[in-house]
Amino acid sequence: MDAKLLHDMFDLGIPVAEKVLRPILVYAFLVIGLRLAGKRELAQLNAFDLVVLLTLSNTVQNAIIGDDNSVSGGIIGATTLLVVNYWVVRFLYGHQKLEELVEGGATVLIDDGKILERNLKQELITIHELEAAAHKQGLSSLDEVEHAELEIGGTISFTARKPTAETVRHDEVMARLDALARELKTLGSRSPAAAADGR
């Protein structure tokens, strides 16, 4: 390998301090931006959300690396992001109130079987999206849901009714079948003479 090629690969185009500061500023902006955008941006994605997240990294790339395409610059930028994230996560672990401020709290979407329309509107989640999330967790409809929450990480967790609506319907059908079977047994046990007397 020639010396000029090696020099071009590893020579920083901007000062190291700037190289470290750029990823920190972009990291802080993205944490705040995603917090303000809402929890759905993190997991419950529709097509528009997905496009935004896919282009976001490309949009901030130049802000992170500046006018520098060197290997050294990329390593410094990536290392800075990893270190900052490690320390932020460690710091927030010991400070619950601050973590809740940064990450927010869970949002109740269904409580005691009742859909909370205001909370759905606040989180920009449609009934259709809520039903799709319920189907992914094995629930056939929202009638089977006792409680649902949009978690901090953006996933929706469901608690099924005990028993579920499907189970209640099944039990009712089985009870009717049992009653019919008893009636048939009673009719079958009557003797021909008793049946004749009953006419």
C-alpha atoms as a PDB file:
ATOM      1  CA  MET A   1       0.000   0.000   0.000  1.00  0.00           C
ATOM      2  CA  ASP A   2       1.365   3.390  -0.871  1.00  0.00           C
ATOM      3  CA  ALA A   3       1.968   6.011   1.817  1.00  0.00           C
ATOM      4  CA  LYS A   4      -0.312   8.629   0.216  1.00  0.00           C
ATOM      5  CA  LEU A   5      -3.271   6.214   0.178  1.00  0.00           C
ATOM      6  CA  LEU A   6      -2.726   5.385   3.869  1.00  0.00           C
ATOM      7  CA  HIS A   7      -2.411   9.078   4.672  1.00  0.00           C
ATOM      8  CA  ASP A   8      -5.690   9.889   2.851  1.00  0.00           C
ATOM      9  CA  MET A   9      -7.507   7.037   4.624  1.00  0.00           C
ATOM     10  CA  PHE A  10      -6.533   8.073   8.141  1.00  0.00           C
ATOM     11  CA  ASP A  11      -5.862  11.829   7.927  1.00  0.00           C
ATOM     12  CA  LEU A  12      -8.611  13.776   9.697  1.00  0.00           C
ATOM     13  CA  GLY A  13     -10.153  16.568   7.649  1.00  0.00           C
ATOM     14  CA  ILE A  14     -11.309  18.410  10.785  1.00  0.00           C
ATOM     15  CA  PRO A  15      -9.919  18.784  14.340  1.00  0.00           C
ATOM     16  CA  VAL A  16     -10.487  15.895  16.790  1.00  0.00           C
ATOM     17  CA  ALA A  17     -12.418  18.144  19.229  1.00  0.00           C
ATOM     18  CA  GLU A  18     -14.913  19.021  16.492  1.00  0.00           C
ATOM     19  CA  LYS A  19     -15.073  15.370  15.474  1.00  0.00           C
ATOM     20  CA  VAL A  20     -16.118  14.474  19.054  1.00  0.00           C
ATOM     21  CA  LEU A  21     -18.487  17.431  19.542  1.00  0.00           C
ATOM     22  CA  ARG A  22     -20.505  16.871  16.343  1.00  0.00           C
ATOM     23  CA  PRO A  23     -21.839  13.364  17.278  1.00  0.00           C
ATOM     24  CA  ILE A  24     -22.653  14.548  20.816  1.00  0.00           C
ATOM     25  CA  LEU A  25     -24.786  17.431  19.498  1.00  0.00           C
ATOM     26  CA  VAL A  26     -26.567  15.206  16.941  1.00  0.00           C
ATOM     27  CA  TYR A  27     -27.160  12.518  19.624  1.00  0.00           C
ATOM     28  CA  ALA A  28     -28.746  15.086  21.957  1.00  0.00           C
ATOM     29  CA  PHE A  29     -30.899  16.463  19.124  1.00  0.00           C
ATOM     30  CA  LEU A  30     -32.144  12.991  18.116  1.00  0.00           C
ATOM     31  CA  VAL A  31     -32.976  11.988  21.712  1.00  0.00           C
ATOM     32  CA  ILE A  32     -35.018  15.167  22.175  1.00  0.00           C
ATOM     33  CA  GLY A  33     -36.551  14.930  18.689  1.00  0.00           C
ATOM     34  CA  LEU A  34     -37.672  11.316  19.112  1.00  0.00           C
ATOM     35  CA  ARG A  35     -39.039  12.125  22.579  1.00  0.00           C
ATOM     36  CA  LEU A  36     -41.135  14.963  21.142  1.00  0.00           C
ATOM     37  CA  ALA A  37     -42.205  12.881  18.124  1.00  0.00           C
ATOM     38  CA  GLY A  38     -43.834  10.344  20.454  1.00  0.00           C
ATOM     39  CA  LYS A  39     -43.360   6.694  21.367  1.00  0.00           C
ATOM     40  CA  ARG A  40     -44.958   5.371  18.174  1.00  0.00           C
ATOM     41  CA  GLU A  41     -41.847   6.480  16.238  1.00  0.00           C
ATOM     42  CA  LEU A  42     -39.877   3.818  18.109  1.00  0.00           C
ATOM     43  CA  ALA A  43     -41.904   0.726  17.293  1.00  0.00           C
ATOM     44  CA  GLN A  44     -45.472   1.135  16.023  1.00  0.00           C
ATOM     45  CA  LEU A  45     -44.403   2.331  12.583  1.00  0.00           C
ATOM     46  CA  ASN A  46     -46.615   3.105   9.648  1.00  0.00           C
ATOM     47  CA  ALA A  47     -45.125   3.634   6.166  1.00  0.00           C
ATOM     48  CA  PHE A  48     -44.533   7.362   6.764  1.00  0.00           C
ATOM     49  CA  ASP A  49     -42.729   6.782  10.083  1.00  0.00           C
ATOM     50  CA  LEU A  50     -40.512   4.159   8.447  1.00  0.00           C
ATOM     51  CA  VAL A  51     -39.512   6.532   5.636  1.00  0.00           C
ATOM     52  CA  VAL A  52     -38.621   9.228   8.197  1.00  0.00           C
ATOM     53  CA  LEU A  53     -36.479   6.863  10.286  1.00  0.00           C
ATOM     54  CA  LEU A  54     -34.705   5.427   7.230  1.00  0.00           C
ATOM     55  CA  THR A  55     -33.798   8.875   5.902  1.00  0.00           C
ATOM     56  CA  LEU A  56     -32.984  10.341   9.319  1.00  0.00           C
ATOM     57  CA  SER A  57     -29.587   8.652   9.583  1.00  0.00           C
ATOM     58  CA  ASN A  58     -28.650   9.814   6.088  1.00  0.00           C
ATOM     59  CA  THR A  59     -29.849  13.349   6.849  1.00  0.00           C
ATOM     60  CA  VAL A  60     -27.657  13.750   9.947  1.00  0.00           C
ATOM     61  CA  GLN A  61     -24.656  11.871   8.534  1.00  0.00           C
ATOM     62  CA  ASN A  62     -22.868  14.999   7.296  1.00  0.00           C
ATOM     63  CA  ALA A  63     -23.622  16.790  10.558  1.00  0.00           C
ATOM     64  CA  ILE A  64     -21.828  13.954  12.389  1.00  0.00           C
ATOM     65  CA  ILE A  65     -18.797  13.484  10.124  1.00  0.00           C
ATOM     66  CA  GLY A  66     -18.437  17.017   8.739  1.00  0.00           C
ATOM     67  CA  ASP A  67     -16.151  17.463   5.748  1.00  0.00           C
ATOM     68  CA  ASP A  68     -14.253  14.264   6.509  1.00  0.00           C
ATOM     69  CA  ASN A  69     -14.463  10.810   4.954  1.00  0.00           C
ATOM     70  CA  SER A  70     -11.427   9.314   6.672  1.00  0.00           C
ATOM     71  CA  VAL A  71     -11.454   5.965   8.485  1.00  0.00           C
ATOM     72  CA  SER A  72     -10.069   7.688  11.598  1.00  0.00           C
ATOM     73  CA  GLY A  73     -12.891  10.229  11.530  1.00  0.00           C
ATOM     74  CA  GLY A  74     -15.524   7.495  11.208  1.00  0.00           C
ATOM     75  CA  ILE A  75     -14.003   5.544  14.096  1.00  0.00           C
ATOM     76  CA  ILE A  76     -13.826   8.649  16.298  1.00  0.00           C
ATOM     77  CA  GLY A  77     -17.462   9.583  15.480  1.00  0.00           C
ATOM     78  CA  ALA A  78     -18.773   6.045  16.090  1.00  0.00           C
ATOM     79  CA  THR A  79     -16.766   5.670  19.309  1.00  0.00           C
ATOM     80  CA  THR A  80     -18.078   9.016  20.563  1.00  0.00           C
ATOM     81  CA  LEU A  81     -21.690   7.929  19.950  1.00  0.00           C
ATOM     82  CA  LEU A  82     -21.160   4.588  21.707  1.00  0.00           C
ATOM     83  CA  VAL A  83     -19.446   6.178  24.712  1.00  0.00           C
ATOM     84  CA  VAL A  84     -22.030   8.959  25.068  1.00  0.00           C
ATOM     85  CA  ASN A  85     -24.894   6.439  24.868  1.00  0.00           C
ATOM     86  CA  TYR A  86     -23.179   4.170  27.432  1.00  0.00           C
ATOM     87  CA  TRP A  87     -22.785   7.038  29.920  1.00  0.00           C
ATOM     88  CA  VAL A  88     -26.294   8.425  29.337  1.00  0.00           C
ATOM     89  CA  VAL A  89     -27.858   4.991  29.949  1.00  0.00           C
ATOM     90  CA  ARG A  90     -25.721   4.476  33.087  1.00  0.00           C
ATOM     91  CA  PHE A  91     -26.582   7.931  34.402  1.00  0.00           C
ATOM     92  CA  LEU A  92     -30.331   7.579  33.770  1.00  0.00           C
ATOM     93  CA  TYR A  93     -30.353   4.141  35.442  1.00  0.00           C
ATOM     94  CA  GLY A  94     -29.613   5.808  38.788  1.00  0.00           C
ATOM     95  CA  HIS A  95     -31.970   8.770  38.241  1.00  0.00           C
ATOM     96  CA  GLN A  96     -35.508   7.457  37.742  1.00  0.00           C
ATOM     97  CA  LYS A  97     -37.241  10.859  37.592  1.00  0.00           C
ATOM     98  CA  LEU A  98     -34.848  12.158  34.948  1.00  0.00           C
ATOM     99  CA  GLU A  99     -35.194   8.927  32.962  1.00  0.00           C
ATOM    100  CA  GLU A 100     -38.980   9.362  32.989  1.00  0.00           C
ATOM    101  CA  LEU A 101     -38.571  12.963  31.828  1.00  0.00           C
ATOM    102  CA  VAL A 102     -36.296  11.906  28.949  1.00  0.00           C
ATOM    103  CA  GLU A 103     -38.101   8.716  27.931  1.00  0.00           C
ATOM    104  CA  GLY A 104     -41.629   9.524  29.088  1.00  0.00           C
ATOM    105  CA  GLY A 105     -44.018   7.075  30.702  1.00  0.00           C
ATOM    106  CA  ALA A 106     -46.388   4.399  29.467  1.00  0.00           C
ATOM    107  CA  THR A 107     -49.728   5.548  28.034  1.00  0.00           C
ATOM    108  CA  VAL A 108     -52.877   3.564  28.833  1.00  0.00           C
ATOM    109  CA  LEU A 109     -54.887   2.922  25.650  1.00  0.00           C
ATOM    110  CA  ILE A 110     -57.552   0.523  26.974  1.00  0.00           C
ATOM    111  CA  ASP A 111     -58.628   0.420  30.610  1.00  0.00           C
ATOM    112  CA  ASP A 112     -61.163  -2.031  32.034  1.00  0.00           C
ATOM    113  CA  GLY A 113     -62.118  -2.990  28.466  1.00  0.00           C
ATOM    114  CA  LYS A 114     -62.841   0.638  27.478  1.00  0.00           C
ATOM    115  CA  ILE A 115     -60.859   2.242  24.631  1.00  0.00           C
ATOM    116  CA  LEU A 116     -59.443   5.619  25.711  1.00  0.00           C
ATOM    117  CA  GLU A 117     -59.913   7.633  22.522  1.00  0.00           C
ATOM    118  CA  ARG A 118     -58.176  10.718  23.925  1.00  0.00           C
ATOM    119  CA  ASN A 119     -54.971   8.778  24.624  1.00  0.00           C
ATOM    120  CA  LEU A 120     -55.092   7.151  21.178  1.00  0.00           C
ATOM    121  CA  LYS A 121     -55.395  10.590  19.609  1.00  0.00           C
ATOM    122  CA  GLN A 122     -52.563  11.933  21.756  1.00  0.00           C
ATOM    123  CA  GLU A 123     -50.245   9.115  20.584  1.00  0.00           C
ATOM    124  CA  LEU A 124     -51.578   9.252  16.983  1.00  0.00           C
ATOM    125  CA  ILE A 125     -52.620   5.593  17.028  1.00  0.00           C
ATOM    126  CA  THR A 126     -55.715   4.576  15.074  1.00  0.00           C
ATOM    127  CA  ILE A 127     -58.176   1.868  16.118  1.00  0.00           C
ATOM    128  CA  HIS A 128     -57.014  -0.140  13.092  1.00  0.00           C
ATOM    129  CA  GLU A 129     -53.369   0.031  14.281  1.00  0.00           C
ATOM    130  CA  LEU A 130     -54.469  -0.974  17.788  1.00  0.00           C
ATOM    131  CA  GLU A 131     -56.390  -3.966  16.399  1.00  0.00           C
ATOM    132  CA  ALA A 132     -53.390  -4.990  14.272  1.00  0.00           C
ATOM    133  CA  ALA A 133     -51.155  -4.902  17.359  1.00  0.00           C
ATOM    134  CA  ALA A 134     -53.725  -7.003  19.286  1.00  0.00           C
ATOM    135  CA  HIS A 135     -53.826  -9.587  16.466  1.00  0.00           C
ATOM    136  CA  LYS A 136     -50.016  -9.888  16.623  1.00  0.00           C
ATOM    137  CA  GLN A 137     -50.377 -10.875  20.278  1.00  0.00           C
ATOM    138  CA  GLY A 138     -52.979 -13.557  19.547  1.00  0.00           C
ATOM    139  CA  LEU A 139     -56.157 -11.627  20.380  1.00  0.00           C
ATOM    140  CA  SER A 140     -58.906 -11.885  17.772  1.00  0.00           C
ATOM    141  CA  SER A 141     -60.533  -8.533  18.625  1.00  0.00           C
ATOM    142  CA  LEU A 142     -60.337  -5.601  21.027  1.00  0.00           C
ATOM    143  CA  ASP A 143     -63.398  -7.054  22.841  1.00  0.00           C
ATOM    144  CA  GLU A 144     -60.995  -9.564  24.391  1.00  0.00           C
ATOM    145  CA  VAL A 145     -58.729  -6.835  25.837  1.00  0.00           C
ATOM    146  CA  GLU A 146     -58.979  -5.820  29.486  1.00  0.00           C
ATOM    147  CA  HIS A 147     -56.003  -3.432  29.474  1.00  0.00           C
ATOM    148  CA  ALA A 148     -53.562  -2.082  26.852  1.00  0.00           C
ATOM    149  CA  GLU A 149     -50.573   0.230  27.260  1.00  0.00           C
ATOM    150  CA  LEU A 150     -48.177   1.921  24.877  1.00  0.00           C
ATOM    151  CA  GLU A 151     -44.873   1.192  26.607  1.00  0.00           C
ATOM    152  CA  ILE A 152     -41.895   3.547  26.800  1.00  0.00           C
ATOM    153  CA  GLY A 153     -40.099   1.594  24.063  1.00  0.00           C
ATOM    154  CA  GLY A 154     -43.040   1.988  21.686  1.00  0.00           C
ATOM    155  CA  THR A 155     -44.537  -1.511  21.911  1.00  0.00           C
ATOM    156  CA  ILE A 156     -48.167  -2.036  22.885  1.00  0.00           C
ATOM    157  CA  SER A 157     -48.767  -4.610  25.614  1.00  0.00           C
ATOM    158  CA  PHE A 158     -52.185  -6.210  26.084  1.00  0.00           C
ATOM    159  CA  THR A 159     -53.856  -7.953  29.013  1.00  0.00           C
ATOM    160  CA  ALA A 160     -56.686 -10.240  27.934  1.00  0.00           C
ATOM    161  CA  ARG A 161     -60.031 -10.362  29.723  1.00  0.00           C
ATOM    162  CA  LYS A 162     -60.375 -13.277  32.095  1.00  0.00           C
ATOM    163  CA  PRO A 163     -62.142 -15.146  30.575  1.00  0.00           C
ATOM    164  CA  THR A 164     -61.957 -13.848  27.010  1.00  0.00           C
ATOM    165  CA  ALA A 165     -65.123 -13.125  25.014  1.00  0.00           C
ATOM    166  CA  GLU A 166     -64.376 -16.211  22.890  1.00  0.00           C
ATOM    167  CA  THR A 167     -64.136 -18.373  26.010  1.00  0.00           C
ATOM    168  CA  VAL A 168     -67.450 -16.998  27.326  1.00  0.00           C
ATOM    169  CA  ARG A 169     -69.190 -17.801  24.009  1.00  0.00           C
ATOM    170  CA  HIS A 170     -67.672 -21.295  23.999  1.00  0.00           C
ATOM    171  CA  ASP A 171     -68.830 -21.912  27.581  1.00  0.00           C
ATOM    172  CA  GLU A 172     -72.373 -20.725  26.735  1.00  0.00           C
ATOM    173  CA  VAL A 173     -72.580 -23.066  23.721  1.00  0.00           C
ATOM    174  CA  MET A 174     -71.283 -25.994  25.797  1.00  0.00           C
ATOM    175  CA  ALA A 175     -73.813 -25.257  28.581  1.00  0.00           C
ATOM    176  CA  ARG A 176     -76.659 -25.293  26.033  1.00  0.00           C
ATOM    177  CA  LEU A 177     -75.413 -28.560  24.531  1.00  0.00           C
ATOM    178  CA  ASP A 178     -75.260 -30.106  28.027  1.00  0.00           C
ATOM    179  CA  ALA A 179     -78.847 -28.983  28.722  1.00  0.00           C
ATOM    180  CA  LEU A 180     -80.022 -30.487  25.411  1.00  0.00           C
ATOM    181  CA  ALA A 181     -78.211 -33.743  26.171  1.00  0.00           C
ATOM    182  CA  ARG A 182     -79.939 -33.941  29.587  1.00  0.00           C
ATOM    183  CA  GLU A 183     -83.346 -33.328  28.011  1.00  0.00           C
ATOM    184  CA  LEU A 184     -82.718 -36.020  25.388  1.00  0.00           C
ATOM    185  CA  LYS A 185     -81.637 -38.423  28.101  1.00  0.00           C
ATOM    186  CA  THR A 186     -84.804 -37.670  30.090  1.00  0.00           C
ATOM    187  CA  LEU A 187     -86.972 -38.216  27.025  1.00  0.00           C
ATOM    188  CA  GLY A 188     -85.147 -41.444  26.158  1.00  0.00           C
ATOM    189  CA  SER A 189     -85.502 -42.849  29.681  1.00  0.00           C
ATOM    190  CA  ARG A 190     -89.295 -42.576  29.716  1.00  0.00           C
ATOM    191  CA  SER A 191     -90.912 -45.964  29.169  1.00  0.00           C
ATOM    192  CA  PRO A 192     -93.309 -46.545  26.230  1.00  0.00           C
ATOM    193  CA  ALA A 193     -96.184 -47.045  28.740  1.00  0.00           C
ATOM    194  CA  ALA A 194     -95.408 -43.726  30.533  1.00  0.00           C
ATOM    195  CA  ALA A 195     -95.190 -42.029  27.162  1.00  0.00           C
ATOM    196  CA  ALA A 196     -98.621 -43.546  26.231  1.00  0.00           C
ATOM    197  CA  ASP A 197    -100.130 -42.366  29.551  1.00  0.00           C
ATOM    198  CA  GLY A 198     -98.862 -38.882  28.872  1.00  0.00           C
ATOM    199  CA  ARG A 199    -100.850 -38.593  25.652  1.00  0.00           C
END
